[in-house]
Amino acid sequence: MTCHFPHLRSVVDADGAVILDLERNSMLTLNSTGGYIWDKLQQGDMPEEIIRKLADETLTDVAIVERDVRDFLEQLKSRRIIA
């Protein structure tokens, strides 16, 4: 999964993240969970690693986390934030 596009800039903090798409002149604001996922993608984690870590850290069923993370990743793909 690729998320290193030169036209993107992002800021991540405990409250979430903001991704600026310079090519499309648009901005995407993420909540804390979206920011966590985005940060892990930027660090090179694969979706399976992110799902496992998030499920462990939140004590949530892996199947629920997997569905939600995969849905989120599809949204990022549809916005051409990741490939």
PDB file of N, CA and C in Angstrom:
ATOM      1  N   MET A   1       0.850  -1.165   0.000  1.00  0.00           N
ATOM      2  CA  MET A   1       0.000   0.000   0.000  1.00  0.00           C
ATOM      3  C   MET A   1       0.897   1.229   0.000  1.00  0.00           C
ATOM      4  N   THR A   2       0.637   2.139  -0.902  1.00  0.00           N
ATOM      5  CA  THR A   2       1.459   3.333  -1.027  1.00  0.00           C
ATOM      6  C   THR A   2       0.695   4.539  -0.506  1.00  0.00           C
ATOM      7  N   CYS A   3       1.363   5.324   0.340  1.00  0.00           N
ATOM      8  CA  CYS A   3       0.730   6.546   0.839  1.00  0.00           C
ATOM      9  C   CYS A   3       1.705   7.714   0.819  1.00  0.00           C
ATOM     10  N   HIS A   4       2.773   7.589   0.061  1.00  0.00           N
ATOM     11  CA  HIS A   4       3.776   8.659  -0.008  1.00  0.00           C
ATOM     12  C   HIS A   4       3.672   9.389  -1.341  1.00  0.00           C
ATOM     13  N   PHE A   5       2.694  10.252  -1.439  1.00  0.00           N
ATOM     14  CA  PHE A   5       2.536  11.070  -2.621  1.00  0.00           C
ATOM     15  C   PHE A   5       3.175  12.423  -2.356  1.00  0.00           C
ATOM     16  N   PRO A   6       3.975  12.929  -3.301  1.00  0.00           N
ATOM     17  CA  PRO A   6       4.668  14.198  -3.069  1.00  0.00           C
ATOM     18  C   PRO A   6       3.733  15.405  -2.937  1.00  0.00           C
ATOM     19  N   HIS A   7       2.504  15.277  -3.414  1.00  0.00           N
ATOM     20  CA  HIS A   7       1.577  16.402  -3.347  1.00  0.00           C
ATOM     21  C   HIS A   7       0.767  16.433  -2.042  1.00  0.00           C
ATOM     22  N   LEU A   8       1.069  15.530  -1.097  1.00  0.00           N
ATOM     23  CA  LEU A   8       0.358  15.495   0.175  1.00  0.00           C
ATOM     24  C   LEU A   8       1.231  16.011   1.307  1.00  0.00           C
ATOM     25  N   ARG A   9       0.611  16.746   2.212  1.00  0.00           N
ATOM     26  CA  ARG A   9       1.255  17.177   3.441  1.00  0.00           C
ATOM     27  C   ARG A   9       0.297  16.814   4.570  1.00  0.00           C
ATOM     28  N   SER A  10       0.843  16.398   5.700  1.00  0.00           N
ATOM     29  CA  SER A  10      -0.053  16.037   6.799  1.00  0.00           C
ATOM     30  C   SER A  10       0.551  16.423   8.142  1.00  0.00           C
ATOM     31  N   VAL A  11      -0.361  16.625   9.084  1.00  0.00           N
ATOM     32  CA  VAL A  11      -0.009  16.885  10.471  1.00  0.00           C
ATOM     33  C   VAL A  11      -0.851  15.929  11.307  1.00  0.00           C
ATOM     34  N   VAL A  12      -0.180  15.205  12.210  1.00  0.00           N
ATOM     35  CA  VAL A  12      -0.867  14.247  13.067  1.00  0.00           C
ATOM     36  C   VAL A  12      -0.606  14.617  14.519  1.00  0.00           C
ATOM     37  N   ASP A  13      -1.665  14.606  15.335  1.00  0.00           N
ATOM     38  CA  ASP A  13      -1.498  14.778  16.774  1.00  0.00           C
ATOM     39  C   ASP A  13      -2.499  13.867  17.487  1.00  0.00           C
ATOM     40  N   ALA A  14      -2.598  13.986  18.782  1.00  0.00           N
ATOM     41  CA  ALA A  14      -3.460  13.095  19.563  1.00  0.00           C
ATOM     42  C   ALA A  14      -4.937  13.234  19.201  1.00  0.00           C
ATOM     43  N   ASP A  15      -5.320  14.371  18.646  1.00  0.00           N
ATOM     44  CA  ASP A  15      -6.718  14.610  18.299  1.00  0.00           C
ATOM     45  C   ASP A  15      -7.093  14.113  16.908  1.00  0.00           C
ATOM     46  N   GLY A  16      -6.110  13.758  16.091  1.00  0.00           N
ATOM     47  CA  GLY A  16      -6.394  13.304  14.732  1.00  0.00           C
ATOM     48  C   GLY A  16      -5.328  13.744  13.767  1.00  0.00           C
ATOM     49  N   ALA A  17      -5.757  14.033  12.544  1.00  0.00           N
ATOM     50  CA  ALA A  17      -4.805  14.448  11.517  1.00  0.00           C
ATOM     51  C   ALA A  17      -5.497  15.344  10.501  1.00  0.00           C
ATOM     52  N   VAL A  18      -4.678  16.112   9.821  1.00  0.00           N
ATOM     53  CA  VAL A  18      -5.127  16.911   8.688  1.00  0.00           C
ATOM     54  C   VAL A  18      -4.211  16.566   7.531  1.00  0.00           C
ATOM     55  N   ILE A  19      -4.818  16.211   6.402  1.00  0.00           N
ATOM     56  CA  ILE A  19      -4.054  15.892   5.189  1.00  0.00           C
ATOM     57  C   ILE A  19      -4.399  16.943   4.150  1.00  0.00           C
ATOM     58  N   LEU A  20      -3.381  17.622   3.666  1.00  0.00           N
ATOM     59  CA  LEU A  20      -3.554  18.652   2.638  1.00  0.00           C
ATOM     60  C   LEU A  20      -3.112  18.071   1.303  1.00  0.00           C
ATOM     61  N   ASP A  21      -3.997  18.108   0.338  1.00  0.00           N
ATOM     62  CA  ASP A  21      -3.705  17.646  -1.015  1.00  0.00           C
ATOM     63  C   ASP A  21      -3.450  18.887  -1.864  1.00  0.00           C
ATOM     64  N   LEU A  22      -2.177  19.184  -2.115  1.00  0.00           N
ATOM     65  CA  LEU A  22      -1.798  20.386  -2.858  1.00  0.00           C
ATOM     66  C   LEU A  22      -2.244  20.316  -4.314  1.00  0.00           C
ATOM     67  N   GLU A  23      -2.286  19.127  -4.868  1.00  0.00           N
ATOM     68  CA  GLU A  23      -2.670  18.950  -6.270  1.00  0.00           C
ATOM     69  C   GLU A  23      -4.142  19.289  -6.494  1.00  0.00           C
ATOM     70  N   ARG A  24      -4.993  18.906  -5.557  1.00  0.00           N
ATOM     71  CA  ARG A  24      -6.439  19.127  -5.692  1.00  0.00           C
ATOM     72  C   ARG A  24      -6.927  20.327  -4.882  1.00  0.00           C
ATOM     73  N   ASN A  25      -5.986  20.964  -4.175  1.00  0.00           N
ATOM     74  CA  ASN A  25      -6.336  22.095  -3.328  1.00  0.00           C
ATOM     75  C   ASN A  25      -7.471  21.727  -2.367  1.00  0.00           C
ATOM     76  N   SER A  26      -7.287  20.568  -1.686  1.00  0.00           N
ATOM     77  CA  SER A  26      -8.304  20.116  -0.746  1.00  0.00           C
ATOM     78  C   SER A  26      -7.652  19.660   0.549  1.00  0.00           C
ATOM     79  N   MET A  27      -8.485  19.560   1.576  1.00  0.00           N
ATOM     80  CA  MET A  27      -8.011  19.184   2.891  1.00  0.00           C
ATOM     81  C   MET A  27      -8.939  18.114   3.453  1.00  0.00           C
ATOM     82  N   LEU A  28      -8.356  17.127   4.102  1.00  0.00           N
ATOM     83  CA  LEU A  28      -9.112  16.059   4.743  1.00  0.00           C
ATOM     84  C   LEU A  28      -8.764  16.066   6.224  1.00  0.00           C
ATOM     85  N   THR A  29      -9.777  16.136   7.070  1.00  0.00           N
ATOM     86  CA  THR A  29      -9.580  16.120   8.513  1.00  0.00           C
ATOM     87  C   THR A  29      -9.986  14.751   9.038  1.00  0.00           C
ATOM     88  N   LEU A  30      -9.125  14.158   9.849  1.00  0.00           N
ATOM     89  CA  LEU A  30      -9.372  12.831  10.407  1.00  0.00           C
ATOM     90  C   LEU A  30      -9.534  12.905  11.918  1.00  0.00           C
ATOM     91  N   ASN A  31     -10.392  12.046  12.456  1.00  0.00           N
ATOM     92  CA  ASN A  31     -10.514  11.960  13.912  1.00  0.00           C
ATOM     93  C   ASN A  31      -9.298  11.222  14.470  1.00  0.00           C
ATOM     94  N   SER A  32      -9.271  10.977  15.761  1.00  0.00           N
ATOM     95  CA  SER A  32      -8.089  10.372  16.382  1.00  0.00           C
ATOM     96  C   SER A  32      -7.794   8.977  15.849  1.00  0.00           C
ATOM     97  N   THR A  33      -8.817   8.189  15.557  1.00  0.00           N
ATOM     98  CA  THR A  33      -8.586   6.853  15.014  1.00  0.00           C
ATOM     99  C   THR A  33      -8.041   6.942  13.594  1.00  0.00           C
ATOM    100  N   GLY A  34      -8.620   7.807  12.782  1.00  0.00           N
ATOM    101  CA  GLY A  34      -8.105   8.015  11.428  1.00  0.00           C
ATOM    102  C   GLY A  34      -6.677   8.526  11.454  1.00  0.00           C
ATOM    103  N   GLY A  35      -6.385   9.419  12.394  1.00  0.00           N
ATOM    104  CA  GLY A  35      -5.031   9.930  12.546  1.00  0.00           C
ATOM    105  C   GLY A  35      -4.057   8.835  12.941  1.00  0.00           C
ATOM    106  N   TYR A  36      -4.499   7.941  13.810  1.00  0.00           N
ATOM    107  CA  TYR A  36      -3.673   6.808  14.232  1.00  0.00           C
ATOM    108  C   TYR A  36      -3.341   5.930  13.023  1.00  0.00           C
ATOM    109  N   ILE A  37      -4.358   5.604  12.237  1.00  0.00           N
ATOM    110  CA  ILE A  37      -4.160   4.755  11.056  1.00  0.00           C
ATOM    111  C   ILE A  37      -3.236   5.453  10.062  1.00  0.00           C
ATOM    112  N   TRP A  38      -3.481   6.732   9.809  1.00  0.00           N
ATOM    113  CA  TRP A  38      -2.650   7.495   8.874  1.00  0.00           C
ATOM    114  C   TRP A  38      -1.195   7.516   9.337  1.00  0.00           C
ATOM    115  N   ASP A  39      -0.990   7.751  10.629  1.00  0.00           N
ATOM    116  CA  ASP A  39       0.365   7.784  11.178  1.00  0.00           C
ATOM    117  C   ASP A  39       1.062   6.438  10.984  1.00  0.00           C
ATOM    118  N   LYS A  40       0.351   5.353  11.245  1.00  0.00           N
ATOM    119  CA  LYS A  40       0.936   4.015  11.080  1.00  0.00           C
ATOM    120  C   LYS A  40       1.254   3.744   9.607  1.00  0.00           C
ATOM    121  N   LEU A  41       0.399   4.184   8.697  1.00  0.00           N
ATOM    122  CA  LEU A  41       0.689   4.028   7.263  1.00  0.00           C
ATOM    123  C   LEU A  41       1.955   4.789   6.895  1.00  0.00           C
ATOM    124  N   GLN A  42       2.090   6.007   7.417  1.00  0.00           N
ATOM    125  CA  GLN A  42       3.269   6.826   7.146  1.00  0.00           C
ATOM    126  C   GLN A  42       4.541   6.169   7.675  1.00  0.00           C
ATOM    127  N   GLN A  43       4.408   5.397   8.752  1.00  0.00           N
ATOM    128  CA  GLN A  43       5.547   4.696   9.327  1.00  0.00           C
ATOM    129  C   GLN A  43       5.871   3.400   8.576  1.00  0.00           C
ATOM    130  N   GLY A  44       5.012   3.042   7.618  1.00  0.00           N
ATOM    131  CA  GLY A  44       5.268   1.860   6.818  1.00  0.00           C
ATOM    132  C   GLY A  44       4.558   0.599   7.279  1.00  0.00           C
ATOM    133  N   ASP A  45       3.686   0.721   8.280  1.00  0.00           N
ATOM    134  CA  ASP A  45       2.942  -0.454   8.734  1.00  0.00           C
ATOM    135  C   ASP A  45       1.959  -0.915   7.659  1.00  0.00           C
ATOM    136  N   MET A  46       1.820  -2.208   7.544  1.00  0.00           N
ATOM    137  CA  MET A  46       0.847  -2.794   6.627  1.00  0.00           C
ATOM    138  C   MET A  46      -0.520  -2.823   7.324  1.00  0.00           C
ATOM    139  N   PRO A  47      -1.612  -2.867   6.546  1.00  0.00           N
ATOM    140  CA  PRO A  47      -2.951  -2.873   7.156  1.00  0.00           C
ATOM    141  C   PRO A  47      -3.132  -3.947   8.229  1.00  0.00           C
ATOM    142  N   GLU A  48      -2.597  -5.136   8.010  1.00  0.00           N
ATOM    143  CA  GLU A  48      -2.760  -6.216   8.987  1.00  0.00           C
ATOM    144  C   GLU A  48      -2.117  -5.849  10.324  1.00  0.00           C
ATOM    145  N   GLU A  49      -0.959  -5.186  10.268  1.00  0.00           N
ATOM    146  CA  GLU A  49      -0.287  -4.749  11.495  1.00  0.00           C
ATOM    147  C   GLU A  49      -1.109  -3.686  12.212  1.00  0.00           C
ATOM    148  N   ILE A  50      -1.636  -2.753  11.442  1.00  0.00           N
ATOM    149  CA  ILE A  50      -2.436  -1.670  12.008  1.00  0.00           C
ATOM    150  C   ILE A  50      -3.675  -2.244  12.688  1.00  0.00           C
ATOM    151  N   ILE A  51      -4.335  -3.178  12.025  1.00  0.00           N
ATOM    152  CA  ILE A  51      -5.543  -3.805  12.572  1.00  0.00           C
ATOM    153  C   ILE A  51      -5.220  -4.499  13.885  1.00  0.00           C
ATOM    154  N   ARG A  52      -4.154  -5.274  13.902  1.00  0.00           N
ATOM    155  CA  ARG A  52      -3.780  -6.013  15.116  1.00  0.00           C
ATOM    156  C   ARG A  52      -3.457  -5.055  16.255  1.00  0.00           C
ATOM    157  N   LYS A  53      -2.639  -4.038  15.970  1.00  0.00           N
ATOM    158  CA  LYS A  53      -2.253  -3.076  17.006  1.00  0.00           C
ATOM    159  C   LYS A  53      -3.469  -2.324  17.548  1.00  0.00           C
ATOM    160  N   LEU A  54      -4.332  -1.872  16.651  1.00  0.00           N
ATOM    161  CA  LEU A  54      -5.508  -1.107  17.067  1.00  0.00           C
ATOM    162  C   LEU A  54      -6.459  -1.970  17.893  1.00  0.00           C
ATOM    163  N   ALA A  55      -6.651  -3.214  17.486  1.00  0.00           N
ATOM    164  CA  ALA A  55      -7.512  -4.129  18.248  1.00  0.00           C
ATOM    165  C   ALA A  55      -6.934  -4.372  19.638  1.00  0.00           C
ATOM    166  N   ASP A  56      -5.618  -4.578  19.708  1.00  0.00           N
ATOM    167  CA  ASP A  56      -4.959  -4.800  21.003  1.00  0.00           C
ATOM    168  C   ASP A  56      -5.062  -3.576  21.903  1.00  0.00           C
ATOM    169  N   GLU A  57      -4.794  -2.396  21.330  1.00  0.00           N
ATOM    170  CA  GLU A  57      -4.774  -1.174  22.130  1.00  0.00           C
ATOM    171  C   GLU A  57      -6.158  -0.740  22.606  1.00  0.00           C
ATOM    172  N   THR A  58      -7.188  -1.071  21.827  1.00  0.00           N
ATOM    173  CA  THR A  58      -8.542  -0.650  22.188  1.00  0.00           C
ATOM    174  C   THR A  58      -9.375  -1.777  22.794  1.00  0.00           C
ATOM    175  N   LEU A  59      -8.784  -2.972  22.880  1.00  0.00           N
ATOM    176  CA  LEU A  59      -9.490  -4.149  23.393  1.00  0.00           C
ATOM    177  C   LEU A  59     -10.798  -4.387  22.640  1.00  0.00           C
ATOM    178  N   THR A  60     -10.717  -4.250  21.321  1.00  0.00           N
ATOM    179  CA  THR A  60     -11.877  -4.421  20.439  1.00  0.00           C
ATOM    180  C   THR A  60     -11.677  -5.669  19.598  1.00  0.00           C
ATOM    181  N   ASP A  61     -12.772  -6.340  19.286  1.00  0.00           N
ATOM    182  CA  ASP A  61     -12.728  -7.547  18.461  1.00  0.00           C
ATOM    183  C   ASP A  61     -12.025  -7.256  17.138  1.00  0.00           C
ATOM    184  N   VAL A  62     -11.104  -8.124  16.767  1.00  0.00           N
ATOM    185  CA  VAL A  62     -10.301  -7.935  15.548  1.00  0.00           C
ATOM    186  C   VAL A  62     -11.190  -7.826  14.307  1.00  0.00           C
ATOM    187  N   ALA A  63     -12.263  -8.593  14.244  1.00  0.00           N
ATOM    188  CA  ALA A  63     -13.143  -8.562  13.069  1.00  0.00           C
ATOM    189  C   ALA A  63     -13.780  -7.184  12.894  1.00  0.00           C
ATOM    190  N   ILE A  64     -14.168  -6.563  13.983  1.00  0.00           N
ATOM    191  CA  ILE A  64     -14.767  -5.225  13.913  1.00  0.00           C
ATOM    192  C   ILE A  64     -13.725  -4.204  13.466  1.00  0.00           C
ATOM    193  N   VAL A  65     -12.538  -4.275  14.068  1.00  0.00           N
ATOM    194  CA  VAL A  65     -11.470  -3.350  13.699  1.00  0.00           C
ATOM    195  C   VAL A  65     -11.081  -3.542  12.245  1.00  0.00           C
ATOM    196  N   GLU A  66     -10.977  -4.787  11.808  1.00  0.00           N
ATOM    197  CA  GLU A  66     -10.598  -5.050  10.414  1.00  0.00           C
ATOM    198  C   GLU A  66     -11.601  -4.438   9.445  1.00  0.00           C
ATOM    199  N   ARG A  67     -12.879  -4.632   9.694  1.00  0.00           N
ATOM    200  CA  ARG A  67     -13.916  -4.059   8.822  1.00  0.00           C
ATOM    201  C   ARG A  67     -13.802  -2.543   8.760  1.00  0.00           C
ATOM    202  N   ASP A  68     -13.659  -1.926   9.925  1.00  0.00           N
ATOM    203  CA  ASP A  68     -13.605  -0.467   9.980  1.00  0.00           C
ATOM    204  C   ASP A  68     -12.332   0.082   9.330  1.00  0.00           C
ATOM    205  N   VAL A  69     -11.195  -0.555   9.574  1.00  0.00           N
ATOM    206  CA  VAL A  69      -9.934  -0.097   8.977  1.00  0.00           C
ATOM    207  C   VAL A  69      -9.982  -0.257   7.467  1.00  0.00           C
ATOM    208  N   ARG A  70     -10.465  -1.392   6.995  1.00  0.00           N
ATOM    209  CA  ARG A  70     -10.534  -1.613   5.542  1.00  0.00           C
ATOM    210  C   ARG A  70     -11.487  -0.622   4.881  1.00  0.00           C
ATOM    211  N   ASP A  71     -12.603  -0.315   5.529  1.00  0.00           N
ATOM    212  CA  ASP A  71     -13.523   0.705   4.998  1.00  0.00           C
ATOM    213  C   ASP A  71     -12.830   2.064   4.918  1.00  0.00           C
ATOM    214  N   PHE A  72     -12.100   2.402   5.963  1.00  0.00           N
ATOM    215  CA  PHE A  72     -11.372   3.676   5.993  1.00  0.00           C
ATOM    216  C   PHE A  72     -10.327   3.732   4.880  1.00  0.00           C
ATOM    217  N   LEU A  73      -9.594   2.644   4.698  1.00  0.00           N
ATOM    218  CA  LEU A  73      -8.578   2.602   3.636  1.00  0.00           C
ATOM    219  C   LEU A  73      -9.213   2.753   2.260  1.00  0.00           C
ATOM    220  N   GLU A  74     -10.378   2.163   2.063  1.00  0.00           N
ATOM    221  CA  GLU A  74     -11.084   2.328   0.785  1.00  0.00           C
ATOM    222  C   GLU A  74     -11.475   3.783   0.563  1.00  0.00           C
ATOM    223  N   GLN A  75     -11.875   4.463   1.630  1.00  0.00           N
ATOM    224  CA  GLN A  75     -12.199   5.890   1.509  1.00  0.00           C
ATOM    225  C   GLN A  75     -10.964   6.693   1.118  1.00  0.00           C
ATOM    226  N   LEU A  76      -9.814   6.367   1.718  1.00  0.00           N
ATOM    227  CA  LEU A  76      -8.573   7.056   1.347  1.00  0.00           C
ATOM    228  C   LEU A  76      -8.209   6.776  -0.112  1.00  0.00           C
ATOM    229  N   LYS A  77      -8.427   5.552  -0.554  1.00  0.00           N
ATOM    230  CA  LYS A  77      -8.150   5.211  -1.957  1.00  0.00           C
ATOM    231  C   LYS A  77      -9.063   5.992  -2.893  1.00  0.00           C
ATOM    232  N   SER A  78     -10.323   6.088  -2.548  1.00  0.00           N
ATOM    233  CA  SER A  78     -11.261   6.788  -3.421  1.00  0.00           C
ATOM    234  C   SER A  78     -10.932   8.278  -3.539  1.00  0.00           C
ATOM    235  N   ARG A  79     -10.265   8.832  -2.514  1.00  0.00           N
ATOM    236  CA  ARG A  79      -9.841  10.230  -2.538  1.00  0.00           C
ATOM    237  C   ARG A  79      -8.425  10.378  -3.090  1.00  0.00           C
ATOM    238  N   ARG A  80      -7.851   9.271  -3.512  1.00  0.00           N
ATOM    239  CA  ARG A  80      -6.485   9.212  -4.062  1.00  0.00           C
ATOM    240  C   ARG A  80      -5.444   9.694  -3.059  1.00  0.00           C
ATOM    241  N   ILE A  81      -5.689   9.379  -1.780  1.00  0.00           N
ATOM    242  CA  ILE A  81      -4.728   9.682  -0.730  1.00  0.00           C
ATOM    243  C   ILE A  81      -3.704   8.539  -0.649  1.00  0.00           C
ATOM    244  N   ILE A  82      -4.173   7.317  -0.890  1.00  0.00           N
ATOM    245  CA  ILE A  82      -3.304   6.146  -0.961  1.00  0.00           C
ATOM    246  C   ILE A  82      -3.625   5.392  -2.233  1.00  0.00           C
ATOM    247  N   ALA A  83      -2.701   4.508  -2.610  1.00  0.00           N
ATOM    248  CA  ALA A  83      -2.920   3.706  -3.831  1.00  0.00           C
ATOM    249  C   ALA A  83      -3.032   2.245  -3.469  1.00  0.00           C
TER     250      ALA A  83
END
